[in-house]
Amino acid sequence: MVQYAALLMMVAQVTGLEPYEYVHTISDAHIYVDQVLAVKTMLEREPIAYPTMKLTRKTDDLFAFRATDFELVDYNPHPGIKGIPVAI
């Protein structure tokens, strides 16, 4: 999802507009039986503050942006959950 937020920020900068918000809709989301334990672990965690992403360079060329032009601020994720089964 972060790549779409980055694209929003880039297009806004190039067009001289202010980015407002990125909204993502998920359809057909589901949890398999063997993933329930991992999902319960996720739901039991305390919510944490969202990080913010900043553009560190100004340009008027959409194709001039590079990964190094972005800074992720206050990213403090929960520890990963190992061994979540994936449907094949």
PDB file of N, CA and C in Angstrom:
ATOM      1  N   MET A   1       0.810  -1.196   0.000  1.00  0.00           N
ATOM      2  CA  MET A   1       0.000   0.000   0.000  1.00  0.00           C
ATOM      3  C   MET A   1       0.853   1.259   0.000  1.00  0.00           C
ATOM      4  N   VAL A   2       2.002   1.172   0.621  1.00  0.00           N
ATOM      5  CA  VAL A   2       2.826   2.376   0.726  1.00  0.00           C
ATOM      6  C   VAL A   2       3.222   2.922  -0.644  1.00  0.00           C
ATOM      7  N   GLN A   3       3.346   2.040  -1.631  1.00  0.00           N
ATOM      8  CA  GLN A   3       3.736   2.525  -2.957  1.00  0.00           C
ATOM      9  C   GLN A   3       2.656   3.415  -3.569  1.00  0.00           C
ATOM     10  N   TYR A   4       1.394   3.160  -3.247  1.00  0.00           N
ATOM     11  CA  TYR A   4       0.321   4.008  -3.770  1.00  0.00           C
ATOM     12  C   TYR A   4       0.308   5.360  -3.056  1.00  0.00           C
ATOM     13  N   ALA A   5       0.603   5.357  -1.764  1.00  0.00           N
ATOM     14  CA  ALA A   5       0.712   6.620  -1.038  1.00  0.00           C
ATOM     15  C   ALA A   5       1.884   7.434  -1.584  1.00  0.00           C
ATOM     16  N   ALA A   6       2.984   6.757  -1.900  1.00  0.00           N
ATOM     17  CA  ALA A   6       4.143   7.443  -2.487  1.00  0.00           C
ATOM     18  C   ALA A   6       3.781   8.039  -3.842  1.00  0.00           C
ATOM     19  N   LEU A   7       3.053   7.287  -4.654  1.00  0.00           N
ATOM     20  CA  LEU A   7       2.624   7.793  -5.959  1.00  0.00           C
ATOM     21  C   LEU A   7       1.729   9.019  -5.797  1.00  0.00           C
ATOM     22  N   LEU A   8       0.816   8.980  -4.831  1.00  0.00           N
ATOM     23  CA  LEU A   8      -0.044  10.134  -4.549  1.00  0.00           C
ATOM     24  C   LEU A   8       0.804  11.354  -4.213  1.00  0.00           C
ATOM     25  N   MET A   9       1.805  11.170  -3.370  1.00  0.00           N
ATOM     26  CA  MET A   9       2.669  12.283  -2.978  1.00  0.00           C
ATOM     27  C   MET A   9       3.456  12.834  -4.170  1.00  0.00           C
ATOM     28  N   MET A  10       3.943  11.943  -5.019  1.00  0.00           N
ATOM     29  CA  MET A  10       4.717  12.375  -6.189  1.00  0.00           C
ATOM     30  C   MET A  10       3.853  13.157  -7.168  1.00  0.00           C
ATOM     31  N   VAL A  11       2.675  12.620  -7.486  1.00  0.00           N
ATOM     32  CA  VAL A  11       1.780  13.300  -8.434  1.00  0.00           C
ATOM     33  C   VAL A  11       1.343  14.651  -7.869  1.00  0.00           C
ATOM     34  N   ALA A  12       1.049  14.696  -6.577  1.00  0.00           N
ATOM     35  CA  ALA A  12       0.646  15.962  -5.958  1.00  0.00           C
ATOM     36  C   ALA A  12       1.762  16.997  -6.076  1.00  0.00           C
ATOM     37  N   GLN A  13       2.978  16.585  -5.793  1.00  0.00           N
ATOM     38  CA  GLN A  13       4.094  17.536  -5.877  1.00  0.00           C
ATOM     39  C   GLN A  13       4.308  18.048  -7.303  1.00  0.00           C
ATOM     40  N   VAL A  14       4.279  17.154  -8.266  1.00  0.00           N
ATOM     41  CA  VAL A  14       4.510  17.529  -9.667  1.00  0.00           C
ATOM     42  C   VAL A  14       3.404  18.447 -10.187  1.00  0.00           C
ATOM     43  N   THR A  15       2.178  18.245  -9.720  1.00  0.00           N
ATOM     44  CA  THR A  15       1.049  19.057 -10.196  1.00  0.00           C
ATOM     45  C   THR A  15       0.797  20.293  -9.338  1.00  0.00           C
ATOM     46  N   GLY A  16       1.557  20.451  -8.255  1.00  0.00           N
ATOM     47  CA  GLY A  16       1.392  21.613  -7.394  1.00  0.00           C
ATOM     48  C   GLY A  16       0.197  21.526  -6.468  1.00  0.00           C
ATOM     49  N   LEU A  17      -0.293  20.329  -6.228  1.00  0.00           N
ATOM     50  CA  LEU A  17      -1.433  20.131  -5.335  1.00  0.00           C
ATOM     51  C   LEU A  17      -0.970  19.547  -4.006  1.00  0.00           C
ATOM     52  N   GLU A  18      -1.848  19.580  -3.012  1.00  0.00           N
ATOM     53  CA  GLU A  18      -1.554  18.989  -1.710  1.00  0.00           C
ATOM     54  C   GLU A  18      -2.171  17.597  -1.645  1.00  0.00           C
ATOM     55  N   PRO A  19      -1.392  16.573  -1.287  1.00  0.00           N
ATOM     56  CA  PRO A  19      -2.004  15.250  -1.115  1.00  0.00           C
ATOM     57  C   PRO A  19      -2.910  15.283   0.108  1.00  0.00           C
ATOM     58  N   TYR A  20      -4.053  14.629   0.013  1.00  0.00           N
ATOM     59  CA  TYR A  20      -5.000  14.657   1.132  1.00  0.00           C
ATOM     60  C   TYR A  20      -4.955  13.353   1.904  1.00  0.00           C
ATOM     61  N   GLU A  21      -5.441  12.302   1.303  1.00  0.00           N
ATOM     62  CA  GLU A  21      -5.399  11.014   1.986  1.00  0.00           C
ATOM     63  C   GLU A  21      -5.431   9.894   0.963  1.00  0.00           C
ATOM     64  N   TYR A  22      -4.884   8.782   1.368  1.00  0.00           N
ATOM     65  CA  TYR A  22      -4.937   7.571   0.551  1.00  0.00           C
ATOM     66  C   TYR A  22      -5.899   6.624   1.250  1.00  0.00           C
ATOM     67  N   VAL A  23      -6.903   6.152   0.533  1.00  0.00           N
ATOM     68  CA  VAL A  23      -7.897   5.225   1.082  1.00  0.00           C
ATOM     69  C   VAL A  23      -7.786   3.917   0.317  1.00  0.00           C
ATOM     70  N   HIS A  24      -7.697   2.827   1.044  1.00  0.00           N
ATOM     71  CA  HIS A  24      -7.538   1.510   0.424  1.00  0.00           C
ATOM     72  C   HIS A  24      -8.719   0.631   0.819  1.00  0.00           C
ATOM     73  N   THR A  25      -9.322  -0.017  -0.140  1.00  0.00           N
ATOM     74  CA  THR A  25     -10.434  -0.934   0.107  1.00  0.00           C
ATOM     75  C   THR A  25      -9.991  -2.349  -0.225  1.00  0.00           C
ATOM     76  N   ILE A  26     -10.263  -3.265   0.677  1.00  0.00           N
ATOM     77  CA  ILE A  26      -9.917  -4.668   0.458  1.00  0.00           C
ATOM     78  C   ILE A  26     -11.214  -5.441   0.244  1.00  0.00           C
ATOM     79  N   SER A  27     -11.262  -6.212  -0.819  1.00  0.00           N
ATOM     80  CA  SER A  27     -12.431  -7.058  -1.052  1.00  0.00           C
ATOM     81  C   SER A  27     -11.986  -8.512  -1.060  1.00  0.00           C
ATOM     82  N   ASP A  28     -12.883  -9.382  -0.739  1.00  0.00           N
ATOM     83  CA  ASP A  28     -12.619 -10.819  -0.714  1.00  0.00           C
ATOM     84  C   ASP A  28     -11.485 -11.168   0.250  1.00  0.00           C
ATOM     85  N   ALA A  29     -11.439 -10.486   1.389  1.00  0.00           N
ATOM     86  CA  ALA A  29     -10.440 -10.810   2.410  1.00  0.00           C
ATOM     87  C   ALA A  29     -10.946 -11.989   3.233  1.00  0.00           C
ATOM     88  N   HIS A  30     -10.061 -12.888   3.555  1.00  0.00           N
ATOM     89  CA  HIS A  30     -10.458 -14.060   4.321  1.00  0.00           C
ATOM     90  C   HIS A  30      -9.271 -14.605   5.104  1.00  0.00           C
ATOM     91  N   ILE A  31      -9.581 -15.404   6.117  1.00  0.00           N
ATOM     92  CA  ILE A  31      -8.575 -16.039   6.965  1.00  0.00           C
ATOM     93  C   ILE A  31      -8.801 -17.537   6.882  1.00  0.00           C
ATOM     94  N   TYR A  32      -7.724 -18.276   6.620  1.00  0.00           N
ATOM     95  CA  TYR A  32      -7.828 -19.731   6.581  1.00  0.00           C
ATOM     96  C   TYR A  32      -7.729 -20.293   8.001  1.00  0.00           C
ATOM     97  N   VAL A  33      -8.276 -21.469   8.205  1.00  0.00           N
ATOM     98  CA  VAL A  33      -8.329 -22.098   9.526  1.00  0.00           C
ATOM     99  C   VAL A  33      -6.943 -22.178  10.163  1.00  0.00           C
ATOM    100  N   ASP A  34      -5.929 -22.522   9.386  1.00  0.00           N
ATOM    101  CA  ASP A  34      -4.591 -22.670   9.961  1.00  0.00           C
ATOM    102  C   ASP A  34      -3.885 -21.332  10.209  1.00  0.00           C
ATOM    103  N   GLN A  35      -4.555 -20.219   9.938  1.00  0.00           N
ATOM    104  CA  GLN A  35      -4.001 -18.894  10.205  1.00  0.00           C
ATOM    105  C   GLN A  35      -4.655 -18.220  11.411  1.00  0.00           C
ATOM    106  N   VAL A  36      -5.645 -18.865  12.003  1.00  0.00           N
ATOM    107  CA  VAL A  36      -6.426 -18.257  13.084  1.00  0.00           C
ATOM    108  C   VAL A  36      -5.547 -17.875  14.275  1.00  0.00           C
ATOM    109  N   LEU A  37      -4.621 -18.727  14.676  1.00  0.00           N
ATOM    110  CA  LEU A  37      -3.765 -18.436  15.826  1.00  0.00           C
ATOM    111  C   LEU A  37      -2.944 -17.162  15.597  1.00  0.00           C
ATOM    112  N   ALA A  38      -2.386 -17.017  14.418  1.00  0.00           N
ATOM    113  CA  ALA A  38      -1.605 -15.817  14.101  1.00  0.00           C
ATOM    114  C   ALA A  38      -2.494 -14.572  14.098  1.00  0.00           C
ATOM    115  N   VAL A  39      -3.700 -14.693  13.579  1.00  0.00           N
ATOM    116  CA  VAL A  39      -4.625 -13.553  13.553  1.00  0.00           C
ATOM    117  C   VAL A  39      -5.020 -13.158  14.972  1.00  0.00           C
ATOM    118  N   LYS A  40      -5.261 -14.136  15.827  1.00  0.00           N
ATOM    119  CA  LYS A  40      -5.574 -13.829  17.233  1.00  0.00           C
ATOM    120  C   LYS A  40      -4.420 -13.080  17.887  1.00  0.00           C
ATOM    121  N   THR A  41      -3.200 -13.501  17.594  1.00  0.00           N
ATOM    122  CA  THR A  41      -2.020 -12.816  18.128  1.00  0.00           C
ATOM    123  C   THR A  41      -1.995 -11.363  17.661  1.00  0.00           C
ATOM    124  N   MET A  42      -2.270 -11.133  16.389  1.00  0.00           N
ATOM    125  CA  MET A  42      -2.296  -9.765  15.854  1.00  0.00           C
ATOM    126  C   MET A  42      -3.358  -8.921  16.552  1.00  0.00           C
ATOM    127  N   LEU A  43      -4.541  -9.496  16.740  1.00  0.00           N
ATOM    128  CA  LEU A  43      -5.652  -8.745  17.331  1.00  0.00           C
ATOM    129  C   LEU A  43      -5.441  -8.440  18.810  1.00  0.00           C
ATOM    130  N   GLU A  44      -4.611  -9.228  19.484  1.00  0.00           N
ATOM    131  CA  GLU A  44      -4.346  -9.007  20.911  1.00  0.00           C
ATOM    132  C   GLU A  44      -3.310  -7.918  21.151  1.00  0.00           C
ATOM    133  N   ARG A  45      -2.619  -7.504  20.134  1.00  0.00           N
ATOM    134  CA  ARG A  45      -1.572  -6.498  20.285  1.00  0.00           C
ATOM    135  C   ARG A  45      -2.167  -5.112  20.494  1.00  0.00           C
ATOM    136  N   GLU A  46      -1.431  -4.303  21.258  1.00  0.00           N
ATOM    137  CA  GLU A  46      -1.833  -2.914  21.458  1.00  0.00           C
ATOM    138  C   GLU A  46      -1.614  -2.144  20.153  1.00  0.00           C
ATOM    139  N   PRO A  47      -2.562  -1.310  19.776  1.00  0.00           N
ATOM    140  CA  PRO A  47      -2.366  -0.496  18.567  1.00  0.00           C
ATOM    141  C   PRO A  47      -1.166   0.441  18.752  1.00  0.00           C
ATOM    142  N   ILE A  48      -0.472   0.704  17.673  1.00  0.00           N
ATOM    143  CA  ILE A  48       0.655   1.638  17.714  1.00  0.00           C
ATOM    144  C   ILE A  48       0.384   2.781  16.737  1.00  0.00           C
ATOM    145  N   ALA A  49       1.082   3.874  16.950  1.00  0.00           N
ATOM    146  CA  ALA A  49       0.892   5.047  16.085  1.00  0.00           C
ATOM    147  C   ALA A  49       1.375   4.736  14.671  1.00  0.00           C
ATOM    148  N   TYR A  50       0.690   5.285  13.692  1.00  0.00           N
ATOM    149  CA  TYR A  50       1.093   5.106  12.301  1.00  0.00           C
ATOM    150  C   TYR A  50       2.340   5.939  12.009  1.00  0.00           C
ATOM    151  N   PRO A  51       3.215   5.435  11.170  1.00  0.00           N
ATOM    152  CA  PRO A  51       4.356   6.251  10.748  1.00  0.00           C
ATOM    153  C   PRO A  51       3.906   7.269   9.701  1.00  0.00           C
ATOM    154  N   THR A  52       4.775   8.188   9.381  1.00  0.00           N
ATOM    155  CA  THR A  52       4.509   9.130   8.303  1.00  0.00           C
ATOM    156  C   THR A  52       5.623   9.007   7.264  1.00  0.00           C
ATOM    157  N   MET A  53       5.293   9.356   6.045  1.00  0.00           N
ATOM    158  CA  MET A  53       6.265   9.314   4.963  1.00  0.00           C
ATOM    159  C   MET A  53       6.430  10.735   4.431  1.00  0.00           C
ATOM    160  N   LYS A  54       7.667  11.114   4.181  1.00  0.00           N
ATOM    161  CA  LYS A  54       7.946  12.459   3.690  1.00  0.00           C
ATOM    162  C   LYS A  54       8.783  12.389   2.422  1.00  0.00           C
ATOM    163  N   LEU A  55       8.532  13.323   1.534  1.00  0.00           N
ATOM    164  CA  LEU A  55       9.398  13.512   0.371  1.00  0.00           C
ATOM    165  C   LEU A  55      10.536  14.430   0.796  1.00  0.00           C
ATOM    166  N   THR A  56      11.761  14.050   0.482  1.00  0.00           N
ATOM    167  CA  THR A  56      12.914  14.832   0.925  1.00  0.00           C
ATOM    168  C   THR A  56      13.510  15.699  -0.180  1.00  0.00           C
ATOM    169  N   ARG A  57      12.945  15.631  -1.374  1.00  0.00           N
ATOM    170  CA  ARG A  57      13.477  16.394  -2.504  1.00  0.00           C
ATOM    171  C   ARG A  57      12.324  16.898  -3.353  1.00  0.00           C
ATOM    172  N   LYS A  58      12.465  18.099  -3.880  1.00  0.00           N
ATOM    173  CA  LYS A  58      11.443  18.651  -4.778  1.00  0.00           C
ATOM    174  C   LYS A  58      11.879  18.475  -6.224  1.00  0.00           C
ATOM    175  N   THR A  59      10.921  18.099  -7.056  1.00  0.00           N
ATOM    176  CA  THR A  59      11.170  17.995  -8.492  1.00  0.00           C
ATOM    177  C   THR A  59       9.849  18.208  -9.219  1.00  0.00           C
ATOM    178  N   ASP A  60       9.919  18.606 -10.461  1.00  0.00           N
ATOM    179  CA  ASP A  60       8.700  18.742 -11.259  1.00  0.00           C
ATOM    180  C   ASP A  60       8.631  17.656 -12.333  1.00  0.00           C
ATOM    181  N   ASP A  61       9.503  16.653 -12.210  1.00  0.00           N
ATOM    182  CA  ASP A  61       9.543  15.542 -13.158  1.00  0.00           C
ATOM    183  C   ASP A  61       9.127  14.259 -12.437  1.00  0.00           C
ATOM    184  N   LEU A  62       7.977  13.735 -12.783  1.00  0.00           N
ATOM    185  CA  LEU A  62       7.454  12.538 -12.123  1.00  0.00           C
ATOM    186  C   LEU A  62       8.424  11.361 -12.206  1.00  0.00           C
ATOM    187  N   PHE A  63       9.184  11.286 -13.275  1.00  0.00           N
ATOM    188  CA  PHE A  63      10.081  10.147 -13.479  1.00  0.00           C
ATOM    189  C   PHE A  63      11.461  10.351 -12.852  1.00  0.00           C
ATOM    190  N   ALA A  64      11.666  11.474 -12.186  1.00  0.00           N
ATOM    191  CA  ALA A  64      12.957  11.754 -11.551  1.00  0.00           C
ATOM    192  C   ALA A  64      13.023  11.258 -10.110  1.00  0.00           C
ATOM    193  N   PHE A  65      11.894  10.874  -9.539  1.00  0.00           N
ATOM    194  CA  PHE A  65      11.886  10.414  -8.150  1.00  0.00           C
ATOM    195  C   PHE A  65      12.646   9.103  -8.000  1.00  0.00           C
ATOM    196  N   ARG A  66      13.310   8.950  -6.861  1.00  0.00           N
ATOM    197  CA  ARG A  66      14.025   7.731  -6.512  1.00  0.00           C
ATOM    198  C   ARG A  66      13.628   7.322  -5.094  1.00  0.00           C
ATOM    199  N   ALA A  67      13.870   6.080  -4.743  1.00  0.00           N
ATOM    200  CA  ALA A  67      13.534   5.590  -3.399  1.00  0.00           C
ATOM    201  C   ALA A  67      14.208   6.440  -2.322  1.00  0.00           C
ATOM    202  N   THR A  68      15.375   6.949  -2.615  1.00  0.00           N
ATOM    203  CA  THR A  68      16.099   7.770  -1.638  1.00  0.00           C
ATOM    204  C   THR A  68      15.449   9.131  -1.402  1.00  0.00           C
ATOM    205  N   ASP A  69      14.436   9.473  -2.182  1.00  0.00           N
ATOM    206  CA  ASP A  69      13.720  10.741  -2.014  1.00  0.00           C
ATOM    207  C   ASP A  69      12.632  10.662  -0.943  1.00  0.00           C
ATOM    208  N   PHE A  70      12.486   9.511  -0.317  1.00  0.00           N
ATOM    209  CA  PHE A  70      11.445   9.307   0.689  1.00  0.00           C
ATOM    210  C   PHE A  70      12.064   8.998   2.039  1.00  0.00           C
ATOM    211  N   GLU A  71      11.403   9.489   3.075  1.00  0.00           N
ATOM    212  CA  GLU A  71      11.845   9.214   4.441  1.00  0.00           C
ATOM    213  C   GLU A  71      10.645   8.688   5.227  1.00  0.00           C
ATOM    214  N   LEU A  72      10.818   7.567   5.894  1.00  0.00           N
ATOM    215  CA  LEU A  72       9.775   6.997   6.742  1.00  0.00           C
ATOM    216  C   LEU A  72      10.077   7.412   8.173  1.00  0.00           C
ATOM    217  N   VAL A  73       9.147   8.125   8.796  1.00  0.00           N
ATOM    218  CA  VAL A  73       9.356   8.704  10.118  1.00  0.00           C
ATOM    219  C   VAL A  73       8.478   7.991  11.147  1.00  0.00           C
ATOM    220  N   ASP A  74       9.076   7.692  12.291  1.00  0.00           N
ATOM    221  CA  ASP A  74       8.368   7.063  13.419  1.00  0.00           C
ATOM    222  C   ASP A  74       7.785   5.703  13.065  1.00  0.00           C
ATOM    223  N   TYR A  75       8.557   4.891  12.367  1.00  0.00           N
ATOM    224  CA  TYR A  75       8.135   3.524  12.042  1.00  0.00           C
ATOM    225  C   TYR A  75       8.657   2.603  13.128  1.00  0.00           C
ATOM    226  N   ASN A  76       7.766   2.142  13.981  1.00  0.00           N
ATOM    227  CA  ASN A  76       8.104   1.268  15.101  1.00  0.00           C
ATOM    228  C   ASN A  76       7.150   0.078  15.097  1.00  0.00           C
ATOM    229  N   PRO A  77       7.393  -0.898  14.233  1.00  0.00           N
ATOM    230  CA  PRO A  77       6.448  -2.014  14.097  1.00  0.00           C
ATOM    231  C   PRO A  77       6.531  -2.996  15.258  1.00  0.00           C
ATOM    232  N   HIS A  78       5.464  -3.762  15.426  1.00  0.00           N
ATOM    233  CA  HIS A  78       5.496  -4.889  16.349  1.00  0.00           C
ATOM    234  C   HIS A  78       6.480  -5.921  15.804  1.00  0.00           C
ATOM    235  N   PRO A  79       6.984  -6.802  16.662  1.00  0.00           N
ATOM    236  CA  PRO A  79       7.827  -7.896  16.149  1.00  0.00           C
ATOM    237  C   PRO A  79       7.030  -8.758  15.170  1.00  0.00           C
ATOM    238  N   GLY A  80       7.723  -9.342  14.214  1.00  0.00           N
ATOM    239  CA  GLY A  80       7.066 -10.200  13.233  1.00  0.00           C
ATOM    240  C   GLY A  80       6.512 -11.468  13.870  1.00  0.00           C
ATOM    241  N   ILE A  81       5.526 -12.047  13.224  1.00  0.00           N
ATOM    242  CA  ILE A  81       4.964 -13.329  13.654  1.00  0.00           C
ATOM    243  C   ILE A  81       5.483 -14.374  12.678  1.00  0.00           C
ATOM    244  N   LYS A  82       6.243 -15.301  13.188  1.00  0.00           N
ATOM    245  CA  LYS A  82       6.883 -16.313  12.334  1.00  0.00           C
ATOM    246  C   LYS A  82       5.932 -17.469  12.037  1.00  0.00           C
ATOM    247  N   GLY A  83       6.110 -18.067  10.882  1.00  0.00           N
ATOM    248  CA  GLY A  83       5.436 -19.318  10.557  1.00  0.00           C
ATOM    249  C   GLY A  83       3.960 -19.232  10.228  1.00  0.00           C
ATOM    250  N   ILE A  84       3.490 -18.103   9.724  1.00  0.00           N
ATOM    251  CA  ILE A  84       2.080 -18.015   9.330  1.00  0.00           C
ATOM    252  C   ILE A  84       1.909 -18.816   8.042  1.00  0.00           C
ATOM    253  N   PRO A  85       1.059 -19.839   8.052  1.00  0.00           N
ATOM    254  CA  PRO A  85       0.863 -20.647   6.843  1.00  0.00           C
ATOM    255  C   PRO A  85       0.265 -19.819   5.703  1.00  0.00           C
ATOM    256  N   VAL A  86       0.698 -20.116   4.503  1.00  0.00           N
ATOM    257  CA  VAL A  86       0.208 -19.430   3.310  1.00  0.00           C
ATOM    258  C   VAL A  86      -0.449 -20.460   2.403  1.00  0.00           C
ATOM    259  N   ALA A  87      -1.623 -20.140   1.902  1.00  0.00           N
ATOM    260  CA  ALA A  87      -2.318 -21.053   0.990  1.00  0.00           C
ATOM    261  C   ALA A  87      -1.571 -21.117  -0.334  1.00  0.00           C
ATOM    262  N   ILE A  88      -1.451 -22.305  -0.853  1.00  0.00           N
ATOM    263  CA  ILE A  88      -0.760 -22.498  -2.138  1.00  0.00           C
ATOM    264  C   ILE A  88      -1.728 -23.100  -3.138  1.00  0.00           C
TER     265      ILE A  88
END
